[in-house]
N, C-alpha and C. Protein backbone atom coordinates (compact mmCIF):
# COMPACT_ATOMS: atom_id res chain seq x y z
N MET A 1 39.53 78.87 -24.56
CA MET A 1 39.67 80.24 -25.01
C MET A 1 40.45 80.08 -26.26
N CYS A 2 40.24 80.74 -27.12
CA CYS A 2 40.79 80.73 -28.49
C CYS A 2 41.76 81.89 -28.90
N TYR A 3 43.02 81.75 -28.98
CA TYR A 3 43.97 82.71 -29.37
C TYR A 3 44.40 82.70 -30.78
N SER A 4 44.13 83.66 -31.60
CA SER A 4 44.67 83.64 -33.08
C SER A 4 45.75 84.64 -33.22
N ALA A 5 46.51 84.55 -34.30
CA ALA A 5 47.61 85.46 -34.60
C ALA A 5 47.43 85.75 -36.01
N GLN A 6 47.92 86.86 -36.42
CA GLN A 6 48.11 87.28 -37.84
C GLN A 6 49.49 87.04 -38.32
N ILE A 7 49.66 86.37 -39.54
CA ILE A 7 50.98 85.97 -39.94
C ILE A 7 51.31 86.79 -41.17
N LEU A 8 52.62 86.71 -41.51
CA LEU A 8 53.07 87.03 -42.92
C LEU A 8 53.41 85.73 -43.60
N ALA A 9 52.60 85.29 -44.50
CA ALA A 9 52.94 83.98 -45.18
C ALA A 9 53.65 83.99 -46.39
N ASP A 10 54.20 85.16 -46.74
CA ASP A 10 54.90 85.11 -48.09
C ASP A 10 56.29 84.98 -47.79
N TYR A 11 56.79 83.69 -47.92
CA TYR A 11 58.00 83.21 -47.71
C TYR A 11 59.17 84.05 -48.39
N ARG A 12 58.75 84.40 -49.68
CA ARG A 12 59.73 85.08 -50.58
C ARG A 12 60.12 86.49 -49.98
N LYS A 13 59.29 87.10 -49.20
CA LYS A 13 59.80 88.24 -48.54
C LYS A 13 60.90 88.06 -47.43
N PHE A 14 60.60 86.95 -46.66
CA PHE A 14 61.55 86.39 -45.77
C PHE A 14 62.94 86.21 -46.33
N VAL A 15 62.95 85.64 -47.50
CA VAL A 15 64.14 85.28 -48.14
C VAL A 15 64.74 86.65 -48.59
N ARG A 16 64.01 87.52 -49.21
CA ARG A 16 64.82 88.77 -49.71
C ARG A 16 65.12 89.60 -48.61
N THR A 17 64.19 89.71 -47.60
CA THR A 17 64.71 90.73 -46.43
C THR A 17 65.74 90.18 -45.47
N PHE A 18 65.84 88.79 -45.19
CA PHE A 18 66.62 88.14 -44.13
C PHE A 18 67.66 87.42 -44.70
N GLY A 19 67.50 87.02 -46.09
CA GLY A 19 68.43 86.09 -46.69
C GLY A 19 68.26 84.76 -46.12
N ALA A 20 66.95 84.46 -45.70
CA ALA A 20 66.80 83.01 -45.24
C ALA A 20 66.74 82.07 -46.32
N LEU A 21 66.82 80.80 -46.11
CA LEU A 21 66.62 79.71 -47.02
C LEU A 21 65.25 79.02 -46.69
N MET A 22 64.70 78.56 -47.56
CA MET A 22 63.39 77.98 -47.45
C MET A 22 63.51 76.38 -47.49
N ASP A 23 63.04 75.77 -46.54
CA ASP A 23 63.17 74.30 -46.35
C ASP A 23 61.82 73.85 -47.31
N ILE A 24 62.20 73.82 -48.48
CA ILE A 24 60.98 73.31 -49.39
C ILE A 24 60.63 72.01 -49.16
N HIS A 25 61.51 71.08 -48.61
CA HIS A 25 60.92 69.79 -48.40
C HIS A 25 60.18 69.47 -47.28
N GLU A 26 60.32 70.46 -46.15
CA GLU A 26 59.40 70.42 -45.12
C GLU A 26 57.87 70.90 -45.56
N PHE A 27 57.92 71.98 -46.40
CA PHE A 27 56.67 72.50 -47.02
C PHE A 27 56.07 71.36 -47.92
N ALA A 28 56.90 70.64 -48.72
CA ALA A 28 56.31 69.67 -49.64
C ALA A 28 55.69 68.56 -48.84
N ARG A 29 56.42 68.03 -47.78
CA ARG A 29 55.99 66.91 -46.88
C ARG A 29 54.70 67.40 -46.26
N LEU A 30 54.64 68.49 -45.68
CA LEU A 30 53.35 69.03 -45.05
C LEU A 30 52.16 69.08 -46.00
N PHE A 31 52.32 69.47 -47.27
CA PHE A 31 51.19 69.55 -48.23
C PHE A 31 50.93 68.09 -48.78
N PHE A 32 51.93 67.42 -48.88
CA PHE A 32 51.83 65.91 -49.41
C PHE A 32 50.88 65.22 -48.27
N GLU A 33 51.38 65.28 -46.97
CA GLU A 33 50.57 64.42 -45.99
C GLU A 33 49.10 65.04 -45.87
N ARG A 34 48.80 66.37 -46.18
CA ARG A 34 47.49 66.80 -46.15
C ARG A 34 46.70 66.40 -47.25
N ALA A 35 47.31 66.32 -48.46
CA ALA A 35 46.61 65.93 -49.67
C ALA A 35 46.32 64.44 -49.77
N GLU A 36 47.21 63.61 -49.21
CA GLU A 36 46.98 62.19 -49.13
C GLU A 36 46.20 61.88 -47.91
N GLY A 37 45.70 62.69 -47.05
CA GLY A 37 44.90 62.27 -45.89
C GLY A 37 45.73 61.80 -44.81
N ILE A 38 46.87 61.61 -44.77
CA ILE A 38 47.77 61.27 -43.71
C ILE A 38 47.72 62.23 -42.53
N SER A 39 47.60 63.55 -42.89
CA SER A 39 47.65 64.52 -41.88
C SER A 39 46.38 65.44 -42.04
N LYS A 40 45.81 65.96 -40.98
CA LYS A 40 44.58 66.79 -41.06
C LYS A 40 45.13 68.08 -40.63
N ALA A 41 46.39 68.52 -41.21
CA ALA A 41 46.93 69.77 -40.89
C ALA A 41 46.23 70.92 -41.43
N LYS A 42 46.06 71.87 -40.74
CA LYS A 42 45.29 73.13 -41.11
C LYS A 42 46.34 74.17 -41.50
N VAL A 43 46.03 74.66 -42.53
CA VAL A 43 47.03 75.63 -43.35
C VAL A 43 46.21 76.85 -43.77
N PRO A 44 46.71 78.23 -43.28
CA PRO A 44 46.06 79.18 -43.76
C PRO A 44 45.96 79.55 -45.14
N LYS A 45 44.98 79.97 -45.76
CA LYS A 45 44.90 80.20 -47.25
C LYS A 45 46.14 81.06 -47.62
N ALA A 46 46.61 81.97 -46.94
CA ALA A 46 47.83 82.87 -47.17
C ALA A 46 49.05 82.09 -47.49
N MET A 47 49.24 81.08 -46.71
CA MET A 47 50.32 80.11 -46.97
C MET A 47 50.21 79.44 -48.27
N GLU A 48 48.98 78.77 -48.42
CA GLU A 48 48.66 78.28 -49.73
C GLU A 48 49.10 79.19 -51.02
N ASP A 49 48.78 80.47 -50.83
CA ASP A 49 48.69 81.47 -51.92
C ASP A 49 50.21 81.73 -52.18
N ALA A 50 51.04 81.65 -51.20
CA ALA A 50 52.50 81.84 -51.47
C ALA A 50 53.06 80.99 -52.63
N PHE A 51 52.39 79.85 -52.89
CA PHE A 51 52.74 79.01 -53.93
C PHE A 51 52.01 78.96 -55.33
N ALA A 52 51.13 80.05 -55.31
CA ALA A 52 50.39 80.32 -56.38
C ALA A 52 51.10 80.64 -57.77
N GLN A 53 52.19 81.26 -57.63
CA GLN A 53 52.97 81.53 -58.81
C GLN A 53 54.34 80.70 -58.74
N PRO A 54 54.31 79.49 -58.84
CA PRO A 54 55.59 78.63 -58.71
C PRO A 54 56.61 78.89 -59.69
N GLN A 55 57.78 79.12 -59.04
CA GLN A 55 58.98 79.31 -59.95
C GLN A 55 59.98 77.99 -60.05
N THR A 56 59.78 77.21 -59.15
CA THR A 56 60.78 75.89 -59.46
C THR A 56 59.83 74.78 -59.46
N GLU A 57 60.60 73.64 -59.80
CA GLU A 57 59.87 72.29 -59.93
C GLU A 57 59.18 71.86 -58.54
N ALA A 58 59.99 72.23 -57.51
CA ALA A 58 59.41 71.85 -56.09
C ALA A 58 58.13 72.69 -55.81
N GLU A 59 58.16 73.94 -56.11
CA GLU A 59 57.02 74.69 -55.90
C GLU A 59 55.87 74.28 -56.67
N ARG A 60 56.06 73.97 -57.99
CA ARG A 60 54.94 73.45 -58.83
C ARG A 60 54.41 72.25 -58.21
N GLU A 61 55.11 71.25 -57.66
CA GLU A 61 54.66 70.15 -57.07
C GLU A 61 53.85 70.52 -55.82
N ILE A 62 54.12 71.35 -55.08
CA ILE A 62 53.48 71.82 -53.83
C ILE A 62 52.11 72.41 -54.35
N LYS A 63 52.17 73.27 -55.41
CA LYS A 63 51.01 73.81 -55.91
C LYS A 63 50.05 72.78 -56.45
N ALA A 64 50.43 71.72 -57.08
CA ALA A 64 49.66 70.52 -57.47
C ALA A 64 49.02 69.78 -56.36
N LEU A 65 49.89 69.70 -55.11
CA LEU A 65 49.28 69.14 -53.89
C LEU A 65 48.10 69.92 -53.40
N ILE A 66 48.33 71.10 -53.28
CA ILE A 66 47.42 72.05 -52.92
C ILE A 66 46.11 71.98 -53.62
N GLU A 67 46.42 72.13 -54.98
CA GLU A 67 45.03 71.97 -55.91
C GLU A 67 44.36 70.58 -55.68
N LYS A 68 45.19 69.43 -55.52
CA LYS A 68 44.40 68.11 -55.26
C LYS A 68 43.67 68.35 -53.90
N PHE A 69 44.24 68.79 -52.99
CA PHE A 69 43.52 68.89 -51.81
C PHE A 69 42.33 69.60 -51.79
N ASN A 70 42.52 71.03 -52.39
CA ASN A 70 41.36 71.85 -52.61
C ASN A 70 40.13 71.10 -53.46
N ALA A 71 40.53 70.34 -54.50
CA ALA A 71 39.54 69.80 -55.28
C ALA A 71 38.83 68.49 -54.40
N GLU A 72 39.61 67.81 -53.58
CA GLU A 72 38.77 67.02 -52.67
C GLU A 72 38.01 67.61 -51.67
N GLN A 73 38.39 68.71 -51.10
CA GLN A 73 37.46 69.43 -50.29
C GLN A 73 36.32 70.07 -50.89
N THR A 74 36.59 70.53 -52.15
CA THR A 74 35.33 71.06 -52.89
C THR A 74 34.30 69.96 -53.21
N SER A 75 34.81 68.69 -53.35
CA SER A 75 33.75 67.57 -53.52
C SER A 75 33.12 67.42 -52.39
N LYS A 76 33.88 67.33 -51.21
CA LYS A 76 33.13 67.13 -49.79
C LYS A 76 32.14 68.19 -49.53
N LEU A 77 32.57 69.38 -49.75
CA LEU A 77 31.64 70.34 -49.36
C LEU A 77 30.44 70.40 -50.26
N GLU A 78 30.46 70.10 -51.62
CA GLU A 78 29.38 70.14 -52.53
C GLU A 78 28.48 68.88 -52.07
N GLN A 79 29.13 67.83 -51.67
CA GLN A 79 28.08 66.75 -51.23
C GLN A 79 27.46 67.16 -49.92
N ASP A 80 28.10 67.78 -49.06
CA ASP A 80 27.55 68.26 -47.85
C ASP A 80 26.36 69.36 -48.10
N LEU A 81 26.67 70.11 -49.10
CA LEU A 81 25.85 71.23 -49.55
C LEU A 81 24.39 70.65 -50.12
N PHE A 82 24.52 69.55 -50.80
CA PHE A 82 23.18 68.66 -51.49
C PHE A 82 22.65 68.16 -50.12
N LYS A 83 23.24 67.61 -49.23
CA LYS A 83 22.56 67.00 -48.16
C LYS A 83 21.80 68.06 -47.25
N GLN A 84 22.46 69.12 -47.17
CA GLN A 84 21.77 70.20 -46.24
C GLN A 84 20.69 70.77 -47.13
N ARG A 85 20.73 70.96 -48.41
CA ARG A 85 19.68 71.54 -49.29
C ARG A 85 18.41 70.38 -49.05
N LYS A 86 18.70 69.12 -49.07
CA LYS A 86 17.53 68.08 -49.03
C LYS A 86 17.12 68.17 -47.63
N ARG A 87 17.93 68.46 -46.59
CA ARG A 87 17.41 68.65 -45.35
C ARG A 87 16.44 69.72 -45.21
N LEU A 88 16.94 70.88 -45.82
CA LEU A 88 16.13 72.10 -45.79
C LEU A 88 14.73 71.95 -46.44
N ALA A 89 14.67 71.16 -47.65
CA ALA A 89 13.58 70.99 -48.37
C ALA A 89 12.62 70.03 -47.45
N ASP A 90 13.14 69.19 -46.89
CA ASP A 90 12.30 68.25 -46.08
C ASP A 90 11.70 68.98 -45.04
N ALA A 91 12.45 69.88 -44.22
CA ALA A 91 11.93 70.61 -43.21
C ALA A 91 10.81 71.60 -43.67
N GLU A 92 11.15 72.26 -44.82
CA GLU A 92 10.10 73.16 -45.14
C GLU A 92 8.80 72.50 -45.70
N ARG A 93 8.96 71.26 -46.20
CA ARG A 93 7.60 70.61 -46.53
C ARG A 93 6.80 70.16 -45.27
N THR A 94 7.65 69.79 -44.24
CA THR A 94 7.08 69.39 -42.99
C THR A 94 6.25 70.66 -42.25
N LEU A 95 6.90 71.64 -42.58
CA LEU A 95 6.46 72.79 -41.90
C LEU A 95 5.21 73.49 -42.62
N GLN A 96 5.05 73.10 -43.80
CA GLN A 96 3.78 73.50 -44.68
C GLN A 96 2.74 72.66 -44.25
N THR A 97 2.91 71.51 -43.70
CA THR A 97 1.82 70.67 -43.28
C THR A 97 1.51 70.89 -41.74
N LYS A 98 2.54 70.93 -41.02
CA LYS A 98 2.32 70.96 -39.55
C LYS A 98 3.65 71.66 -38.97
N VAL A 99 3.46 72.80 -38.14
CA VAL A 99 4.72 73.41 -37.46
C VAL A 99 5.06 72.56 -36.32
N THR A 100 6.20 71.97 -36.32
CA THR A 100 6.91 71.37 -35.29
C THR A 100 8.17 72.00 -34.91
N LYS A 101 8.49 71.87 -33.77
CA LYS A 101 9.78 72.27 -33.07
C LYS A 101 10.98 71.55 -33.98
N ALA A 102 10.86 70.45 -34.13
CA ALA A 102 12.06 69.69 -34.68
C ALA A 102 12.23 70.10 -36.18
N ALA A 103 11.13 70.46 -36.91
CA ALA A 103 11.36 70.89 -38.28
C ALA A 103 11.82 72.29 -38.48
N ALA A 104 11.40 72.96 -37.50
CA ALA A 104 11.79 74.39 -37.33
C ALA A 104 13.34 74.54 -37.16
N GLU A 105 13.72 73.74 -36.24
CA GLU A 105 15.22 73.65 -35.85
C GLU A 105 15.89 72.95 -36.87
N SER A 106 15.45 72.14 -37.68
CA SER A 106 16.10 71.34 -38.71
C SER A 106 16.24 72.42 -39.87
N GLN A 107 15.35 73.23 -40.09
CA GLN A 107 15.54 74.39 -41.13
C GLN A 107 16.40 75.29 -40.67
N ARG A 108 16.54 75.76 -39.47
CA ARG A 108 17.44 76.78 -38.96
C ARG A 108 18.84 76.23 -39.23
N ILE A 109 19.16 74.96 -38.82
CA ILE A 109 20.39 74.50 -38.95
C ILE A 109 20.94 74.15 -40.31
N ALA A 110 19.87 73.69 -41.23
CA ALA A 110 20.05 73.55 -42.59
C ALA A 110 20.63 74.74 -43.16
N THR A 111 19.88 75.92 -42.98
CA THR A 111 20.07 77.07 -43.44
C THR A 111 21.53 77.81 -43.12
N ASP A 112 21.84 77.61 -41.84
CA ASP A 112 23.23 78.05 -41.40
C ASP A 112 24.29 77.23 -41.87
N LYS A 113 24.03 76.02 -42.08
CA LYS A 113 25.09 75.05 -42.69
C LYS A 113 25.32 75.28 -44.12
N ILE A 114 24.17 75.66 -44.81
CA ILE A 114 24.36 75.93 -46.16
C ILE A 114 25.16 77.23 -46.49
N GLU A 115 24.83 78.22 -45.66
CA GLU A 115 25.59 79.50 -45.80
C GLU A 115 26.97 79.35 -45.50
N TRP A 116 27.35 78.52 -44.30
CA TRP A 116 28.83 78.28 -44.05
C TRP A 116 29.41 77.57 -45.21
N THR A 117 28.77 76.42 -45.77
CA THR A 117 29.43 75.66 -46.83
C THR A 117 29.60 76.47 -48.04
N ARG A 118 28.70 77.18 -48.31
CA ARG A 118 28.91 78.30 -49.56
C ARG A 118 30.21 79.19 -49.39
N GLY A 119 30.25 79.67 -48.22
CA GLY A 119 31.38 80.50 -47.73
C GLY A 119 32.74 79.84 -47.85
N LYS A 120 32.68 78.52 -47.63
CA LYS A 120 33.81 77.67 -47.63
C LYS A 120 34.34 77.46 -49.09
N LEU A 121 33.18 77.07 -49.90
CA LEU A 121 33.45 76.81 -51.36
C LEU A 121 34.02 78.34 -52.02
N GLU A 122 33.41 79.27 -51.77
CA GLU A 122 33.89 80.68 -52.35
C GLU A 122 35.26 80.87 -51.81
N ASP A 123 35.69 80.56 -50.63
CA ASP A 123 37.00 80.86 -50.19
C ASP A 123 38.02 79.85 -50.96
N ILE A 124 37.65 78.77 -51.17
CA ILE A 124 38.48 77.78 -51.96
C ILE A 124 38.74 78.39 -53.37
N GLN A 125 37.78 78.84 -54.01
CA GLN A 125 37.86 79.53 -55.37
C GLN A 125 38.43 80.77 -55.43
N ARG A 126 38.34 81.52 -54.33
CA ARG A 126 38.75 82.96 -54.43
C ARG A 126 40.22 83.00 -54.78
N THR A 127 40.86 84.16 -55.59
CA THR A 127 41.94 84.43 -55.74
C THR A 127 42.57 85.61 -55.22
N GLU A 128 41.72 86.44 -54.94
CA GLU A 128 42.24 87.84 -54.29
C GLU A 128 42.35 87.67 -52.76
N PRO A 129 43.53 88.09 -52.20
CA PRO A 129 43.56 87.82 -50.74
C PRO A 129 42.82 88.78 -49.81
N LYS A 130 42.56 88.15 -48.81
CA LYS A 130 41.76 88.92 -47.68
C LYS A 130 42.47 88.69 -46.39
N ALA A 131 42.40 89.56 -45.39
CA ALA A 131 43.07 89.76 -44.14
C ALA A 131 42.99 88.54 -43.42
N ARG A 132 41.74 87.81 -43.46
CA ARG A 132 41.42 86.59 -42.69
C ARG A 132 42.25 85.45 -43.07
N ASP A 133 42.61 85.57 -44.50
CA ASP A 133 43.60 84.42 -44.94
C ASP A 133 44.77 84.20 -44.16
N SER A 134 45.29 85.21 -43.49
CA SER A 134 46.58 85.05 -42.83
C SER A 134 46.40 84.87 -41.23
N ARG A 135 45.26 84.55 -40.83
CA ARG A 135 44.86 84.48 -39.45
C ARG A 135 45.09 83.04 -39.10
N ILE A 136 45.96 82.56 -38.11
CA ILE A 136 46.14 81.32 -37.55
C ILE A 136 45.57 81.16 -36.39
N PHE A 137 45.14 79.89 -35.99
CA PHE A 137 44.78 79.69 -34.61
C PHE A 137 45.56 78.31 -34.21
N PRO A 138 45.32 78.04 -32.73
CA PRO A 138 46.09 76.89 -32.28
C PRO A 138 45.81 75.73 -33.16
N GLY A 139 47.01 75.03 -33.47
CA GLY A 139 46.73 73.92 -34.32
C GLY A 139 47.14 74.10 -35.80
N HIS A 140 47.09 75.29 -36.20
CA HIS A 140 47.39 75.60 -37.49
C HIS A 140 48.88 75.85 -37.79
N TYR A 141 49.19 75.51 -39.11
CA TYR A 141 50.69 75.67 -39.53
C TYR A 141 50.96 77.09 -40.02
N ALA A 142 52.19 77.43 -39.83
CA ALA A 142 52.43 78.86 -40.38
C ALA A 142 54.06 78.80 -40.71
N PRO A 143 54.47 79.55 -41.70
CA PRO A 143 55.96 79.68 -41.97
C PRO A 143 56.71 80.28 -40.80
N VAL A 144 57.89 79.70 -40.29
CA VAL A 144 58.53 80.32 -39.10
C VAL A 144 59.99 80.27 -39.55
N MET A 145 60.61 81.50 -39.26
CA MET A 145 62.07 81.48 -39.51
C MET A 145 62.92 81.16 -38.25
N VAL A 146 63.60 80.19 -38.47
CA VAL A 146 64.59 79.63 -37.27
C VAL A 146 66.02 79.67 -37.69
N MET A 147 66.96 79.58 -36.70
CA MET A 147 68.28 79.44 -37.01
C MET A 147 68.75 77.99 -36.91
N GLU A 148 69.31 77.45 -37.90
CA GLU A 148 69.99 76.21 -37.99
C GLU A 148 71.26 76.33 -38.57
N ASP A 149 72.28 75.98 -37.84
CA ASP A 149 73.71 75.92 -38.25
C ASP A 149 74.12 77.25 -38.68
N GLY A 150 73.75 78.28 -38.01
CA GLY A 150 73.92 79.69 -38.24
C GLY A 150 73.31 80.31 -39.53
N GLN A 151 72.44 79.62 -40.10
CA GLN A 151 71.63 80.04 -41.32
C GLN A 151 70.25 80.12 -40.88
N ARG A 152 69.59 81.28 -41.44
CA ARG A 152 68.24 81.36 -41.25
C ARG A 152 67.47 80.58 -42.22
N VAL A 153 66.46 79.68 -41.64
CA VAL A 153 65.77 78.72 -42.53
C VAL A 153 64.23 78.98 -42.29
N ILE A 154 63.34 78.95 -43.15
CA ILE A 154 61.91 79.14 -43.00
C ILE A 154 61.33 77.79 -43.24
N LYS A 155 60.67 77.34 -42.09
CA LYS A 155 59.96 75.98 -42.05
C LYS A 155 58.54 76.19 -41.76
N PRO A 156 57.67 75.23 -42.13
CA PRO A 156 56.17 75.24 -41.52
C PRO A 156 56.21 74.57 -40.17
N MET A 157 55.60 75.37 -39.26
CA MET A 157 55.46 74.76 -38.01
C MET A 157 54.20 75.12 -37.28
N ARG A 158 53.59 74.29 -36.44
CA ARG A 158 52.44 74.30 -35.83
C ARG A 158 52.34 75.35 -34.93
N TYR A 159 51.32 76.16 -34.76
CA TYR A 159 51.13 77.30 -33.71
C TYR A 159 50.51 76.52 -32.64
N GLN A 160 51.12 76.25 -31.59
CA GLN A 160 50.56 75.82 -30.45
C GLN A 160 51.78 75.32 -29.42
N CYS A 161 51.55 75.70 -28.16
CA CYS A 161 52.42 75.19 -27.18
C CYS A 161 52.03 74.02 -26.41
N ARG A 162 52.85 73.09 -26.17
CA ARG A 162 52.38 71.95 -25.41
C ARG A 162 53.16 72.02 -24.05
N ILE A 163 52.38 71.60 -23.08
CA ILE A 163 53.03 71.76 -21.73
C ILE A 163 54.26 70.53 -21.63
N ALA A 164 55.37 70.94 -21.07
CA ALA A 164 56.48 69.90 -21.03
C ALA A 164 56.08 68.64 -20.60
N GLY A 165 56.38 67.47 -21.31
CA GLY A 165 56.14 66.24 -20.83
C GLY A 165 54.88 65.68 -21.15
N LYS A 166 53.92 66.50 -21.86
CA LYS A 166 52.52 65.96 -22.19
C LYS A 166 52.76 65.38 -23.51
N PRO A 167 51.84 64.22 -23.75
CA PRO A 167 51.86 63.67 -25.04
C PRO A 167 50.93 64.53 -26.00
N ALA A 168 51.13 64.33 -27.50
CA ALA A 168 50.50 64.99 -28.56
C ALA A 168 48.97 64.98 -28.22
N SER A 169 48.44 63.71 -27.77
CA SER A 169 46.96 63.74 -27.48
C SER A 169 46.57 64.87 -26.66
N TYR A 170 47.34 65.45 -25.78
CA TYR A 170 46.89 66.45 -24.93
C TYR A 170 46.43 67.64 -25.53
N ASP A 171 46.99 67.91 -26.86
CA ASP A 171 46.63 69.12 -27.60
C ASP A 171 45.17 68.97 -27.94
N VAL A 172 44.63 67.82 -28.31
CA VAL A 172 43.24 67.65 -28.78
C VAL A 172 42.30 67.55 -27.46
N LYS A 173 42.82 66.98 -26.46
CA LYS A 173 41.96 66.84 -25.27
C LYS A 173 41.83 68.27 -24.57
N PHE A 174 42.85 69.04 -24.56
CA PHE A 174 42.80 70.40 -23.99
C PHE A 174 43.26 71.34 -25.01
N PRO A 175 42.43 71.81 -25.94
CA PRO A 175 42.86 72.65 -27.05
C PRO A 175 43.10 74.19 -26.61
N GLY A 176 42.65 74.69 -25.54
CA GLY A 176 42.91 75.96 -25.06
C GLY A 176 44.07 76.21 -24.33
N VAL A 177 44.91 75.23 -24.24
CA VAL A 177 46.18 75.45 -23.58
C VAL A 177 47.16 76.13 -24.31
């Protein structure tokens, strides 16, 4: 079962409203690990958009990491789009000569994957926010306000609860927990 949540990812509002500090180093680490391929962290677009107008050097570095990751994702998606277009063309050629179940299924799958990939590419390039940009699912990161040494601090944290005493691999093996 999939449980999602809607988040408020604009950390500047947290800072203004609650006087919280932002642990910029944790955000930088998260985005660095994701951009370098060390981590497969999933981050909602709204959390990335919070760094769209950087005001400090650290925020500019984070924005550069986000742009690097998005460029890599765009490249991968464009390659997948090319493969699926080829698959679709092959299936349509086969269907013109002989109608087969495999070709029809390949055509359906390629069409669906092309549509999904185009949507992902549009989301990466889109600048206006949408409500779905703030939706997180288990395993996704979100900004969370915590108390540390009597001070409110905003940190990126993963949305998921793990049963006490279970290893991290348990999250992948049983994602609905």
